[in-house]
N, C-alpha and C. Protein backbone atom coordinates (compact mmCIF):
# COMPACT_ATOMS: atom_id res chain seq x y z
N MET A 1 112.20 71.43 119.36
CA MET A 1 112.62 72.64 119.65
C MET A 1 110.80 72.58 120.51
N ALA A 2 111.00 73.35 122.03
CA ALA A 2 109.66 73.65 122.40
C ALA A 2 108.83 74.30 122.02
N ASP A 3 107.73 74.14 122.09
CA ASP A 3 106.40 75.12 121.56
C ASP A 3 106.43 75.98 120.10
N THR A 4 107.38 75.06 119.37
CA THR A 4 107.12 75.81 117.95
C THR A 4 105.94 75.09 117.35
N LYS A 5 105.18 75.87 116.76
CA LYS A 5 103.91 75.54 115.99
C LYS A 5 104.16 75.88 114.08
N ALA A 6 104.70 74.79 113.45
CA ALA A 6 104.35 75.15 111.97
C ALA A 6 103.36 75.65 111.77
N GLY A 7 103.44 76.58 110.85
CA GLY A 7 102.08 77.38 109.85
C GLY A 7 102.49 78.67 109.74
N ARG A 8 101.91 79.66 109.84
CA ARG A 8 101.44 81.13 109.50
C ARG A 8 100.73 81.74 110.97
N ILE A 9 101.38 82.93 110.73
CA ILE A 9 100.16 83.73 111.26
C ILE A 9 100.13 85.14 110.73
N ARG A 10 99.17 85.93 110.74
CA ARG A 10 98.88 87.28 109.87
C ARG A 10 98.85 87.82 111.18
N VAL A 11 99.84 89.15 110.90
CA VAL A 11 99.85 89.98 111.82
C VAL A 11 99.04 91.51 111.08
N THR A 12 98.29 92.09 112.01
CA THR A 12 97.79 93.42 111.43
C THR A 12 98.24 94.32 112.59
N GLN A 13 98.74 95.75 111.85
CA GLN A 13 98.73 96.56 112.46
C GLN A 13 97.98 97.61 112.98
N ILE A 14 97.75 97.48 114.50
CA ILE A 14 96.34 98.30 114.73
C ILE A 14 96.84 99.71 115.54
N GLY A 15 97.70 99.75 116.05
CA GLY A 15 97.93 100.74 116.70
C GLY A 15 99.13 101.60 116.42
N SER A 16 99.47 103.36 116.27
CA SER A 16 100.75 103.72 116.03
C SER A 16 101.44 103.69 116.38
N PRO A 17 102.75 104.23 116.03
CA PRO A 17 103.91 104.20 116.60
C PRO A 17 104.20 105.21 117.00
N ILE A 18 103.60 106.41 116.68
CA ILE A 18 104.00 107.80 117.30
C ILE A 18 103.76 107.71 118.69
N GLY A 19 104.85 108.22 119.14
CA GLY A 19 104.92 108.60 121.08
C GLY A 19 105.74 107.32 121.57
N ARG A 20 105.70 106.18 120.65
CA ARG A 20 106.19 105.20 121.44
C ARG A 20 107.61 105.13 121.44
N ARG A 21 108.90 104.51 122.20
CA ARG A 21 110.01 104.26 122.02
C ARG A 21 110.51 104.03 120.92
N SER A 22 112.24 104.08 120.25
CA SER A 22 112.12 103.98 119.31
C SER A 22 112.25 102.24 119.01
N ASP A 23 112.51 101.29 119.90
CA ASP A 23 112.70 99.95 119.81
C ASP A 23 111.36 99.50 119.30
N GLN A 24 110.13 99.93 119.59
CA GLN A 24 109.18 99.47 119.15
C GLN A 24 108.55 99.89 118.05
N ARG A 25 109.41 101.00 117.32
CA ARG A 25 109.29 101.40 116.01
C ARG A 25 109.76 100.37 115.30
N GLN A 26 110.90 100.12 115.63
CA GLN A 26 111.88 99.21 114.92
C GLN A 26 111.27 98.03 114.60
N THR A 27 111.22 97.65 115.98
CA THR A 27 110.19 96.03 115.82
C THR A 27 109.02 95.67 114.58
N LEU A 28 108.39 97.15 114.82
CA LEU A 28 107.28 96.99 113.93
C LEU A 28 107.49 97.02 112.56
N ILE A 29 108.68 97.91 112.46
CA ILE A 29 109.47 98.13 110.49
C ILE A 29 110.22 96.53 110.63
N GLY A 30 110.46 95.49 111.35
CA GLY A 30 111.45 94.47 111.31
C GLY A 30 110.21 93.32 110.82
N LEU A 31 108.93 93.50 111.68
CA LEU A 31 107.92 92.92 111.07
C LEU A 31 106.90 92.96 109.90
N GLY A 32 107.78 94.40 109.12
CA GLY A 32 107.12 94.49 107.42
C GLY A 32 106.11 95.43 108.13
N LEU A 33 105.68 96.41 109.14
CA LEU A 33 105.00 96.66 109.13
C LEU A 33 104.94 98.37 109.75
N ASN A 34 104.63 99.44 108.48
CA ASN A 34 104.73 100.94 109.14
C ASN A 34 103.96 101.75 108.90
N LYS A 35 102.49 101.02 108.42
CA LYS A 35 101.04 102.37 108.89
C LYS A 35 100.27 101.53 108.94
N MET A 36 99.05 101.96 109.47
CA MET A 36 98.07 101.67 110.38
C MET A 36 97.07 100.45 109.45
N HIS A 37 96.96 99.25 109.81
CA HIS A 37 96.01 98.70 108.90
C HIS A 37 97.05 97.71 108.13
N ARG A 38 97.94 97.74 108.14
CA ARG A 38 98.63 96.87 107.02
C ARG A 38 98.66 95.61 107.64
N VAL A 39 98.96 94.76 106.68
CA VAL A 39 98.85 93.35 107.20
C VAL A 39 100.06 92.58 106.62
N ARG A 40 100.45 91.72 107.62
CA ARG A 40 101.73 90.92 106.63
C ARG A 40 101.25 89.57 106.83
N GLU A 41 101.78 88.58 106.40
CA GLU A 41 101.51 86.76 106.87
C GLU A 41 102.83 86.65 107.00
N LEU A 42 103.21 85.88 107.67
CA LEU A 42 104.31 85.54 108.17
C LEU A 42 104.88 84.13 109.27
N GLU A 43 105.82 83.48 108.61
CA GLU A 43 106.08 82.13 109.13
C GLU A 43 105.96 82.42 110.50
N ASN A 44 105.74 81.08 111.70
CA ASN A 44 105.45 81.35 113.22
C ASN A 44 106.54 80.88 113.69
N THR A 45 107.38 81.38 114.07
CA THR A 45 108.57 81.24 114.46
C THR A 45 108.68 82.02 115.86
N PRO A 46 109.41 81.26 116.82
CA PRO A 46 109.82 82.08 117.87
C PRO A 46 110.43 83.35 118.08
N ALA A 47 111.18 83.95 117.12
CA ALA A 47 111.41 85.07 116.75
C ALA A 47 110.54 86.14 116.16
N VAL A 48 109.90 85.97 115.55
CA VAL A 48 108.34 86.65 115.00
C VAL A 48 107.26 86.72 116.42
N ARG A 49 107.43 85.51 116.91
CA ARG A 49 106.60 85.19 118.35
C ARG A 49 106.94 86.17 119.37
N GLY A 50 108.36 86.22 119.30
CA GLY A 50 108.56 87.05 120.69
C GLY A 50 108.61 89.08 119.91
N MET A 51 109.01 89.13 118.54
CA MET A 51 108.32 90.50 118.24
C MET A 51 107.09 90.81 118.57
N THR A 52 106.35 89.92 118.08
CA THR A 52 104.31 90.18 118.16
C THR A 52 104.38 90.35 119.69
N THR A 53 104.80 89.87 120.83
CA THR A 53 104.99 89.82 121.83
C THR A 53 105.03 91.43 122.69
N LYS A 54 106.18 91.45 122.33
CA LYS A 54 106.76 93.15 122.37
C LYS A 54 106.15 94.29 121.89
N VAL A 55 105.55 94.14 120.98
CA VAL A 55 104.40 94.77 120.65
C VAL A 55 103.00 94.94 120.27
N SER A 56 102.41 93.84 121.45
CA SER A 56 101.24 93.42 121.33
C SER A 56 100.14 94.16 121.24
N HIS A 57 100.61 95.57 122.00
CA HIS A 57 99.34 96.77 122.48
C HIS A 57 99.35 97.55 120.78
N LEU A 58 100.34 96.83 120.03
CA LEU A 58 100.10 97.88 118.36
C LEU A 58 99.66 96.77 117.30
N VAL A 59 99.67 95.69 117.92
CA VAL A 59 99.10 94.55 116.76
C VAL A 59 97.80 93.29 117.14
N ARG A 60 97.24 92.73 115.95
CA ARG A 60 96.44 91.79 116.00
C ARG A 60 97.18 90.75 115.60
N VAL A 61 97.03 89.65 116.06
CA VAL A 61 97.62 88.17 115.46
C VAL A 61 96.89 87.18 115.42
N GLU A 62 96.56 86.85 114.90
CA GLU A 62 96.18 85.84 113.93
C GLU A 62 96.59 84.56 113.18
N GLU A 63 96.26 83.52 113.95
CA GLU A 63 96.24 81.78 113.11
C GLU A 63 96.02 82.05 112.09
N ILE A 64 96.59 81.39 111.05
CA ILE A 64 96.05 80.87 110.09
C ILE A 64 96.76 79.56 109.53
N GLY A 65 96.11 78.58 108.53
CA GLY A 65 96.73 77.42 108.10
C GLY A 65 97.93 76.89 108.76
């Protein structure tokens, strides 16, 4: 697979979905985030990376282990 890194990422919600398009709100819910400053540790897969890219202005992403 191209550019697939094994490991996990930590995703923190830093922006509010209020006033955002519904697809961005649904993407946050898909990531398991629904309130400010919530943190989720997720597998580093292409699907999750695509979701974090879509809402990059609302989340902070950190590589972990």
